[in-house]
Amino acid sequence: MGRRSSRYEEGLFVVEGELLLAQAFDAGWNVIEQFQSIDARDQFRDGPPVSFLDGNDFKKISDVMSPQGVAAIVSMEPPSRLTNSIMSWCVVCDSIADPGNLGTIMRSAEAAGASTISLVGTCVDPFSPKVVRASAGAIFHVQMRLADTFEQLLAQKVRLVGLTSHDTVSGKSPKSLYDLTTSGRLGLVVGSESHGISKNAPIDEWITIAHVGRSESLNAAMAATVACMYVAHNREAMR
């Protein structure tokens, strides 16, 4: 499952901060150029060229209020160990628009051991600085399929399981997450914050997360985190 969208081919993105940059290097991503503020301690790595900027100039290229003084340009083309990884189970993000939500979903999916994150519909740019930061480096450690379609996932024999907060979907009641069979090629589908999963999505099975508080539902990232950890627990128990 390594197809990439032409939108991202030969693309570059910015990684800012010492910890994130270290993860990009350690995970084998291609760092093109590094930038460092002259008033920060040396944080750059040997290899890619380094450009030194004064503090004010570095703030102009920074995306955060309090820059750490180190940033880099990184190729969007992931290392081969990710593009060649074998699909086991995946998280499918359907038109997730909020950068914080998408980054958090990435973080939870990677922590739970998902092999793949597929983006379908109109998702926020996964390489935007806010998404990269919210992922806490997970973006460097899990295979990303960009601009995927549900049909492509079905062709890979992925069983699509949709998260919903509704009591009924297409006249049927969704089952509890905790009754879900998690074996095989499972695709956990998380819908957009405003509209949920696309109406024409070929979902095989709908699930919901029961709760007793006042809120009508969990937000997209929270629901995905709960579901990912449940899937991870069950799949580990089946080994």
C-alpha atoms as a PDB file:
ATOM      1  CA  MET A   1       0.000   0.000   0.000  1.00  0.00           C
ATOM      2  CA  GLY A   2       2.581   2.541  -1.060  1.00  0.00           C
ATOM      3  CA  ARG A   3       0.895   4.616  -3.788  1.00  0.00           C
ATOM      4  CA  ARG A   4       1.495   8.352  -3.461  1.00  0.00           C
ATOM      5  CA  SER A   5      -0.545  11.255  -4.800  1.00  0.00           C
ATOM      6  CA  SER A   6       1.087  13.353  -7.508  1.00  0.00           C
ATOM      7  CA  ARG A   7       0.268  16.404  -5.389  1.00  0.00           C
ATOM      8  CA  TYR A   8       3.074  15.469  -3.016  1.00  0.00           C
ATOM      9  CA  GLU A   9       5.651  14.028  -5.414  1.00  0.00           C
ATOM     10  CA  GLU A  10       9.006  15.795  -5.134  1.00  0.00           C
ATOM     11  CA  GLY A  11       7.485  17.939  -2.369  1.00  0.00           C
ATOM     12  CA  LEU A  12       9.197  19.445   0.648  1.00  0.00           C
ATOM     13  CA  PHE A  13       7.984  20.348   4.114  1.00  0.00           C
ATOM     14  CA  VAL A  14       9.295  22.179   7.179  1.00  0.00           C
ATOM     15  CA  VAL A  15      10.209  20.480  10.445  1.00  0.00           C
ATOM     16  CA  GLU A  16      10.839  22.776  13.388  1.00  0.00           C
ATOM     17  CA  GLY A  17      12.221  22.021  16.829  1.00  0.00           C
ATOM     18  CA  GLU A  18      15.086  19.904  18.095  1.00  0.00           C
ATOM     19  CA  LEU A  19      13.089  16.809  19.043  1.00  0.00           C
ATOM     20  CA  LEU A  20      11.072  16.632  15.819  1.00  0.00           C
ATOM     21  CA  LEU A  21      14.145  17.180  13.686  1.00  0.00           C
ATOM     22  CA  ALA A  22      16.007  14.467  15.567  1.00  0.00           C
ATOM     23  CA  GLN A  23      13.119  12.076  14.885  1.00  0.00           C
ATOM     24  CA  ALA A  24      13.186  12.917  11.178  1.00  0.00           C
ATOM     25  CA  PHE A  25      16.900  12.143  11.036  1.00  0.00           C
ATOM     26  CA  ASP A  26      16.687   8.991  13.158  1.00  0.00           C
ATOM     27  CA  ALA A  27      13.751   7.639  11.149  1.00  0.00           C
ATOM     28  CA  GLY A  28      15.737   7.964   7.931  1.00  0.00           C
ATOM     29  CA  TRP A  29      13.930  10.851   6.223  1.00  0.00           C
ATOM     30  CA  ASN A  30      15.847  12.937   3.690  1.00  0.00           C
ATOM     31  CA  VAL A  31      16.760  16.263   5.342  1.00  0.00           C
ATOM     32  CA  ILE A  32      17.619  18.727   2.576  1.00  0.00           C
ATOM     33  CA  GLU A  33      18.770  21.804   4.496  1.00  0.00           C
ATOM     34  CA  GLN A  34      18.986  22.956   8.100  1.00  0.00           C
ATOM     35  CA  PHE A  35      18.445  26.426   9.594  1.00  0.00           C
ATOM     36  CA  GLN A  36      19.661  27.584  12.974  1.00  0.00           C
ATOM     37  CA  SER A  37      19.364  30.814  14.901  1.00  0.00           C
ATOM     38  CA  ILE A  38      22.780  32.232  15.734  1.00  0.00           C
ATOM     39  CA  ASP A  39      21.678  32.906  19.318  1.00  0.00           C
ATOM     40  CA  ALA A  40      20.700  29.236  19.942  1.00  0.00           C
ATOM     41  CA  ARG A  41      23.016  26.456  21.000  1.00  0.00           C
ATOM     42  CA  ASP A  42      24.176  24.173  18.216  1.00  0.00           C
ATOM     43  CA  GLN A  43      21.409  21.701  17.451  1.00  0.00           C
ATOM     44  CA  PHE A  44      22.129  20.798  13.844  1.00  0.00           C
ATOM     45  CA  ARG A  45      23.273  17.387  12.561  1.00  0.00           C
ATOM     46  CA  ASP A  46      26.272  16.671  10.376  1.00  0.00           C
ATOM     47  CA  GLY A  47      25.482  16.088   6.714  1.00  0.00           C
ATOM     48  CA  PRO A  48      22.880  18.456   5.232  1.00  0.00           C
ATOM     49  CA  PRO A  49      23.987  22.092   4.786  1.00  0.00           C
ATOM     50  CA  VAL A  50      23.260  24.557   7.605  1.00  0.00           C
ATOM     51  CA  SER A  51      22.231  28.195   7.195  1.00  0.00           C
ATOM     52  CA  PHE A  52      22.621  30.447  10.232  1.00  0.00           C
ATOM     53  CA  LEU A  53      20.075  33.216  10.774  1.00  0.00           C
ATOM     54  CA  ASP A  54      19.852  35.985  13.338  1.00  0.00           C
ATOM     55  CA  GLY A  55      17.024  35.750  15.825  1.00  0.00           C
ATOM     56  CA  ASN A  56      14.620  38.091  14.008  1.00  0.00           C
ATOM     57  CA  ASP A  57      15.119  36.375  10.659  1.00  0.00           C
ATOM     58  CA  PHE A  58      14.572  32.966  12.229  1.00  0.00           C
ATOM     59  CA  LYS A  59      11.278  34.167  13.721  1.00  0.00           C
ATOM     60  CA  LYS A  60      10.135  35.096  10.201  1.00  0.00           C
ATOM     61  CA  ILE A  61      10.440  31.486   9.046  1.00  0.00           C
ATOM     62  CA  SER A  62       9.097  30.000  12.280  1.00  0.00           C
ATOM     63  CA  ASP A  63       5.517  28.854  12.780  1.00  0.00           C
ATOM     64  CA  VAL A  64       5.519  29.076  16.601  1.00  0.00           C
ATOM     65  CA  MET A  65       5.432  31.893  19.136  1.00  0.00           C
ATOM     66  CA  SER A  66       8.658  30.860  20.880  1.00  0.00           C
ATOM     67  CA  PRO A  67      11.016  29.269  18.334  1.00  0.00           C
ATOM     68  CA  GLN A  68      13.610  26.761  19.521  1.00  0.00           C
ATOM     69  CA  GLY A  69      16.096  28.072  16.991  1.00  0.00           C
ATOM     70  CA  VAL A  70      16.355  25.053  14.707  1.00  0.00           C
ATOM     71  CA  ALA A  71      14.383  24.016  11.640  1.00  0.00           C
ATOM     72  CA  ALA A  72      14.893  22.043   8.452  1.00  0.00           C
ATOM     73  CA  ILE A  73      13.529  21.407   4.983  1.00  0.00           C
ATOM     74  CA  VAL A  74      12.667  17.718   4.567  1.00  0.00           C
ATOM     75  CA  SER A  75      11.610  15.736   1.517  1.00  0.00           C
ATOM     76  CA  MET A  76       8.057  14.379   1.614  1.00  0.00           C
ATOM     77  CA  GLU A  77       9.266  11.140   0.051  1.00  0.00           C
ATOM     78  CA  PRO A  78       9.391   8.688   2.986  1.00  0.00           C
ATOM     79  CA  PRO A  79      12.129   6.107   3.553  1.00  0.00           C
ATOM     80  CA  SER A  80      11.678   2.788   1.770  1.00  0.00           C
ATOM     81  CA  ARG A  81      10.982   0.907   5.003  1.00  0.00           C
ATOM     82  CA  LEU A  82       7.666   2.793   5.173  1.00  0.00           C
ATOM     83  CA  THR A  83       6.676   2.665   1.504  1.00  0.00           C
ATOM     84  CA  ASN A  84       7.435  -1.065   1.436  1.00  0.00           C
ATOM     85  CA  SER A  85       5.779  -1.941   4.738  1.00  0.00           C
ATOM     86  CA  ILE A  86       3.090  -4.612   4.707  1.00  0.00           C
ATOM     87  CA  MET A  87      -0.475  -3.585   5.497  1.00  0.00           C
ATOM     88  CA  SER A  88      -1.896  -5.141   8.676  1.00  0.00           C
ATOM     89  CA  TRP A  89      -4.529  -2.714   9.948  1.00  0.00           C
ATOM     90  CA  CYS A  90      -5.016   0.947   9.187  1.00  0.00           C
ATOM     91  CA  VAL A  91      -6.720   4.145  10.256  1.00  0.00           C
ATOM     92  CA  VAL A  92      -8.703   5.888   7.517  1.00  0.00           C
ATOM     93  CA  CYS A  93      -9.158   9.652   7.915  1.00  0.00           C
ATOM     94  CA  ASP A  94     -12.144  10.890   5.921  1.00  0.00           C
ATOM     95  CA  SER A  95     -11.929  14.672   5.338  1.00  0.00           C
ATOM     96  CA  ILE A  96     -10.346  15.503   8.700  1.00  0.00           C
ATOM     97  CA  ALA A  97      -9.937  19.301   8.537  1.00  0.00           C
ATOM     98  CA  ASP A  98      -8.428  20.262  11.890  1.00  0.00           C
ATOM     99  CA  PRO A  99      -4.590  20.049  12.033  1.00  0.00           C
ATOM    100  CA  GLY A 100      -4.592  19.196  15.731  1.00  0.00           C
ATOM    101  CA  ASN A 101      -7.061  16.359  15.217  1.00  0.00           C
ATOM    102  CA  LEU A 102      -5.174  14.848  12.282  1.00  0.00           C
ATOM    103  CA  GLY A 103      -1.851  15.053  14.107  1.00  0.00           C
ATOM    104  CA  THR A 104      -3.336  13.474  17.220  1.00  0.00           C
ATOM    105  CA  ILE A 105      -4.918  10.673  15.170  1.00  0.00           C
ATOM    106  CA  MET A 106      -1.501  10.011  13.608  1.00  0.00           C
ATOM    107  CA  ARG A 107       0.062   9.893  17.067  1.00  0.00           C
ATOM    108  CA  SER A 108      -2.558   7.483  18.406  1.00  0.00           C
ATOM    109  CA  ALA A 109      -2.476   5.257  15.304  1.00  0.00           C
ATOM    110  CA  GLU A 110       1.314   4.935  15.438  1.00  0.00           C
ATOM    111  CA  ALA A 111       1.264   4.317  19.196  1.00  0.00           C
ATOM    112  CA  ALA A 112      -1.337   1.560  18.715  1.00  0.00           C
ATOM    113  CA  GLY A 113       0.726  -0.159  16.033  1.00  0.00           C
ATOM    114  CA  ALA A 114      -1.338   0.662  12.944  1.00  0.00           C
ATOM    115  CA  SER A 115       0.703  -0.054   9.832  1.00  0.00           C
ATOM    116  CA  THR A 116      -0.922   2.620   7.690  1.00  0.00           C
ATOM    117  CA  ILE A 117      -2.845   5.900   7.800  1.00  0.00           C
ATOM    118  CA  SER A 118      -4.985   6.529   4.712  1.00  0.00           C
ATOM    119  CA  LEU A 119      -6.316   9.983   3.883  1.00  0.00           C
ATOM    120  CA  VAL A 120      -9.525  10.073   1.847  1.00  0.00           C
ATOM    121  CA  GLY A 121     -11.657  13.018   0.832  1.00  0.00           C
ATOM    122  CA  THR A 122     -10.417  16.537   1.574  1.00  0.00           C
ATOM    123  CA  CYS A 123      -8.077  16.302   4.549  1.00  0.00           C
ATOM    124  CA  VAL A 124      -5.850  19.029   5.915  1.00  0.00           C
ATOM    125  CA  ASP A 125      -2.289  18.869   4.556  1.00  0.00           C
ATOM    126  CA  PRO A 126      -0.591  16.158   6.677  1.00  0.00           C
ATOM    127  CA  PHE A 127       2.772  17.891   6.194  1.00  0.00           C
ATOM    128  CA  SER A 128       1.659  21.287   7.498  1.00  0.00           C
ATOM    129  CA  PRO A 129       3.671  22.474  10.543  1.00  0.00           C
ATOM    130  CA  LYS A 130       0.704  22.207  12.927  1.00  0.00           C
ATOM    131  CA  VAL A 131      -0.052  18.621  11.911  1.00  0.00           C
ATOM    132  CA  VAL A 132       3.605  17.602  12.171  1.00  0.00           C
ATOM    133  CA  ARG A 133       3.831  19.098  15.671  1.00  0.00           C
ATOM    134  CA  ALA A 134       0.547  17.530  16.825  1.00  0.00           C
ATOM    135  CA  SER A 135       1.745  14.133  15.591  1.00  0.00           C
ATOM    136  CA  ALA A 136       4.683  14.369  18.021  1.00  0.00           C
ATOM    137  CA  GLY A 137       6.875  12.781  15.358  1.00  0.00           C
ATOM    138  CA  ALA A 138       4.490   9.915  14.552  1.00  0.00           C
ATOM    139  CA  ILE A 139       4.380  11.122  10.946  1.00  0.00           C
ATOM    140  CA  PHE A 140       7.968   9.877  10.587  1.00  0.00           C
ATOM    141  CA  HIS A 141       7.167   6.349  11.770  1.00  0.00           C
ATOM    142  CA  VAL A 142       3.961   5.203  10.053  1.00  0.00           C
ATOM    143  CA  GLN A 143       3.128   4.706   6.391  1.00  0.00           C
ATOM    144  CA  MET A 144       0.940   7.462   4.947  1.00  0.00           C
ATOM    145  CA  ARG A 145      -1.302   6.902   1.933  1.00  0.00           C
ATOM    146  CA  LEU A 146      -2.238  10.303   0.557  1.00  0.00           C
ATOM    147  CA  ALA A 147      -5.382  11.080  -1.435  1.00  0.00           C
ATOM    148  CA  ASP A 148      -6.620   7.494  -1.142  1.00  0.00           C
ATOM    149  CA  THR A 149     -10.146   6.366  -2.057  1.00  0.00           C
ATOM    150  CA  PHE A 150     -12.455   3.900  -0.366  1.00  0.00           C
ATOM    151  CA  GLU A 151     -12.484   1.854  -3.564  1.00  0.00           C
ATOM    152  CA  GLN A 152      -8.713   1.418  -3.406  1.00  0.00           C
ATOM    153  CA  LEU A 153      -8.986   0.191   0.164  1.00  0.00           C
ATOM    154  CA  LEU A 154     -11.716  -2.285  -0.766  1.00  0.00           C
ATOM    155  CA  ALA A 155      -9.514  -3.554  -3.601  1.00  0.00           C
ATOM    156  CA  GLN A 156      -6.909  -4.326  -0.936  1.00  0.00           C
ATOM    157  CA  LYS A 157      -9.589  -6.381   0.879  1.00  0.00           C
ATOM    158  CA  VAL A 158      -9.694  -3.973   3.799  1.00  0.00           C
ATOM    159  CA  ARG A 159     -12.780  -4.364   6.009  1.00  0.00           C
ATOM    160  CA  LEU A 160     -14.015  -0.805   6.597  1.00  0.00           C
ATOM    161  CA  VAL A 161     -15.338  -0.125  10.092  1.00  0.00           C
ATOM    162  CA  GLY A 162     -16.903   3.310  10.584  1.00  0.00           C
ATOM    163  CA  LEU A 163     -17.008   5.226  13.855  1.00  0.00           C
ATOM    164  CA  THR A 164     -20.307   7.005  14.469  1.00  0.00           C
ATOM    165  CA  SER A 165     -22.021   8.837  17.312  1.00  0.00           C
ATOM    166  CA  HIS A 166     -25.517   8.232  15.901  1.00  0.00           C
ATOM    167  CA  ASP A 167     -27.986   5.742  17.359  1.00  0.00           C
ATOM    168  CA  THR A 168     -28.892   4.485  13.891  1.00  0.00           C
ATOM    169  CA  VAL A 169     -27.122   4.480  10.520  1.00  0.00           C
ATOM    170  CA  SER A 170     -29.087   3.520   7.399  1.00  0.00           C
ATOM    171  CA  GLY A 171     -31.844   2.181   9.649  1.00  0.00           C
ATOM    172  CA  LYS A 172     -29.514  -0.066  11.650  1.00  0.00           C
ATOM    173  CA  SER A 173     -28.067   0.316  15.119  1.00  0.00           C
ATOM    174  CA  PRO A 174     -24.255   0.364  15.235  1.00  0.00           C
ATOM    175  CA  LYS A 175     -22.583  -2.182  17.469  1.00  0.00           C
ATOM    176  CA  SER A 176     -20.427  -1.270  20.428  1.00  0.00           C
ATOM    177  CA  LEU A 177     -16.727  -0.810  19.760  1.00  0.00           C
ATOM    178  CA  TYR A 178     -16.130  -3.419  22.453  1.00  0.00           C
ATOM    179  CA  ASP A 179     -17.999  -6.050  20.433  1.00  0.00           C
ATOM    180  CA  LEU A 180     -15.912  -5.466  17.328  1.00  0.00           C
ATOM    181  CA  THR A 181     -13.955  -8.329  15.786  1.00  0.00           C
ATOM    182  CA  THR A 182     -10.524  -6.825  15.176  1.00  0.00           C
ATOM    183  CA  SER A 183      -8.768  -9.581  13.217  1.00  0.00           C
ATOM    184  CA  GLY A 184      -7.663  -9.371   9.584  1.00  0.00           C
ATOM    185  CA  ARG A 185      -7.199  -6.326   7.379  1.00  0.00           C
ATOM    186  CA  LEU A 186      -9.186  -3.802   9.358  1.00  0.00           C
ATOM    187  CA  GLY A 187      -9.676  -0.185   8.306  1.00  0.00           C
ATOM    188  CA  LEU A 188     -10.865   2.025  11.165  1.00  0.00           C
ATOM    189  CA  VAL A 189     -12.651   4.969   9.503  1.00  0.00           C
ATOM    190  CA  VAL A 190     -12.818   8.341  11.293  1.00  0.00           C
ATOM    191  CA  GLY A 191     -15.043  11.004   9.726  1.00  0.00           C
ATOM    192  CA  SER A 192     -14.809  14.781   9.524  1.00  0.00           C
ATOM    193  CA  GLU A 193     -15.466  16.891  12.587  1.00  0.00           C
ATOM    194  CA  SER A 194     -18.539  18.551  11.067  1.00  0.00           C
ATOM    195  CA  HIS A 195     -20.185  15.904   8.900  1.00  0.00           C
ATOM    196  CA  GLY A 196     -18.832  12.551   9.995  1.00  0.00           C
ATOM    197  CA  ILE A 197     -18.053   9.848   7.451  1.00  0.00           C
ATOM    198  CA  SER A 198     -19.050  10.476   3.834  1.00  0.00           C
ATOM    199  CA  LYS A 199     -22.586   9.303   3.073  1.00  0.00           C
ATOM    200  CA  ASN A 200     -21.424   7.245   0.108  1.00  0.00           C
ATOM    201  CA  ALA A 201     -18.616   5.525   1.998  1.00  0.00           C
ATOM    202  CA  PRO A 202     -18.857   1.718   1.563  1.00  0.00           C
ATOM    203  CA  ILE A 203     -18.688   0.962   5.280  1.00  0.00           C
ATOM    204  CA  ASP A 204     -18.894  -2.745   6.104  1.00  0.00           C
ATOM    205  CA  GLU A 205     -19.711  -2.281   9.764  1.00  0.00           C
ATOM    206  CA  TRP A 206     -20.652   0.666  11.986  1.00  0.00           C
ATOM    207  CA  ILE A 207     -19.473   0.974  15.579  1.00  0.00           C
ATOM    208  CA  THR A 208     -20.037   3.457  18.375  1.00  0.00           C
ATOM    209  CA  ILE A 209     -18.348   4.299  21.673  1.00  0.00           C
ATOM    210  CA  ALA A 210     -20.859   4.292  24.498  1.00  0.00           C
ATOM    211  CA  HIS A 211     -20.520   6.988  27.159  1.00  0.00           C
ATOM    212  CA  VAL A 212     -22.648   8.244  30.028  1.00  0.00           C
ATOM    213  CA  GLY A 213     -21.623  11.906  30.302  1.00  0.00           C
ATOM    214  CA  ARG A 214     -23.490  14.950  28.969  1.00  0.00           C
ATOM    215  CA  SER A 215     -21.558  15.250  25.696  1.00  0.00           C
ATOM    216  CA  GLU A 216     -23.282  13.966  22.581  1.00  0.00           C
ATOM    217  CA  SER A 217     -20.024  12.545  21.264  1.00  0.00           C
ATOM    218  CA  LEU A 218     -16.262  12.513  21.536  1.00  0.00           C
ATOM    219  CA  ASN A 219     -14.336  14.591  19.037  1.00  0.00           C
ATOM    220  CA  ALA A 220     -12.673  12.889  16.085  1.00  0.00           C
ATOM    221  CA  ALA A 221      -9.223  12.576  17.646  1.00  0.00           C
ATOM    222  CA  MET A 222     -10.498  11.332  21.010  1.00  0.00           C
ATOM    223  CA  ALA A 223     -12.768   8.730  19.418  1.00  0.00           C
ATOM    224  CA  ALA A 224      -9.964   7.548  17.153  1.00  0.00           C
ATOM    225  CA  THR A 225      -7.612   7.222  20.131  1.00  0.00           C
ATOM    226  CA  VAL A 226     -10.070   5.088  22.128  1.00  0.00           C
ATOM    227  CA  ALA A 227     -10.777   2.871  19.118  1.00  0.00           C
ATOM    228  CA  CYS A 228      -7.103   2.506  18.156  1.00  0.00           C
ATOM    229  CA  MET A 229      -6.115   1.398  21.628  1.00  0.00           C
ATOM    230  CA  TYR A 230      -8.952  -1.123  21.758  1.00  0.00           C
ATOM    231  CA  VAL A 231      -7.943  -2.580  18.392  1.00  0.00           C
ATOM    232  CA  ALA A 232      -4.311  -2.747  19.508  1.00  0.00           C
ATOM    233  CA  HIS A 233      -5.251  -4.517  22.763  1.00  0.00           C
ATOM    234  CA  ASN A 234      -7.389  -7.111  21.016  1.00  0.00           C
ATOM    235  CA  ARG A 235      -4.947  -7.835  18.228  1.00  0.00           C
ATOM    236  CA  GLU A 236      -2.153  -8.304  20.755  1.00  0.00           C
ATOM    237  CA  ALA A 237      -4.337 -10.699  22.751  1.00  0.00           C
ATOM    238  CA  MET A 238      -4.952 -12.788  19.602  1.00  0.00           C
ATOM    239  CA  ARG A 239      -1.250 -13.345  18.919  1.00  0.00           C
END
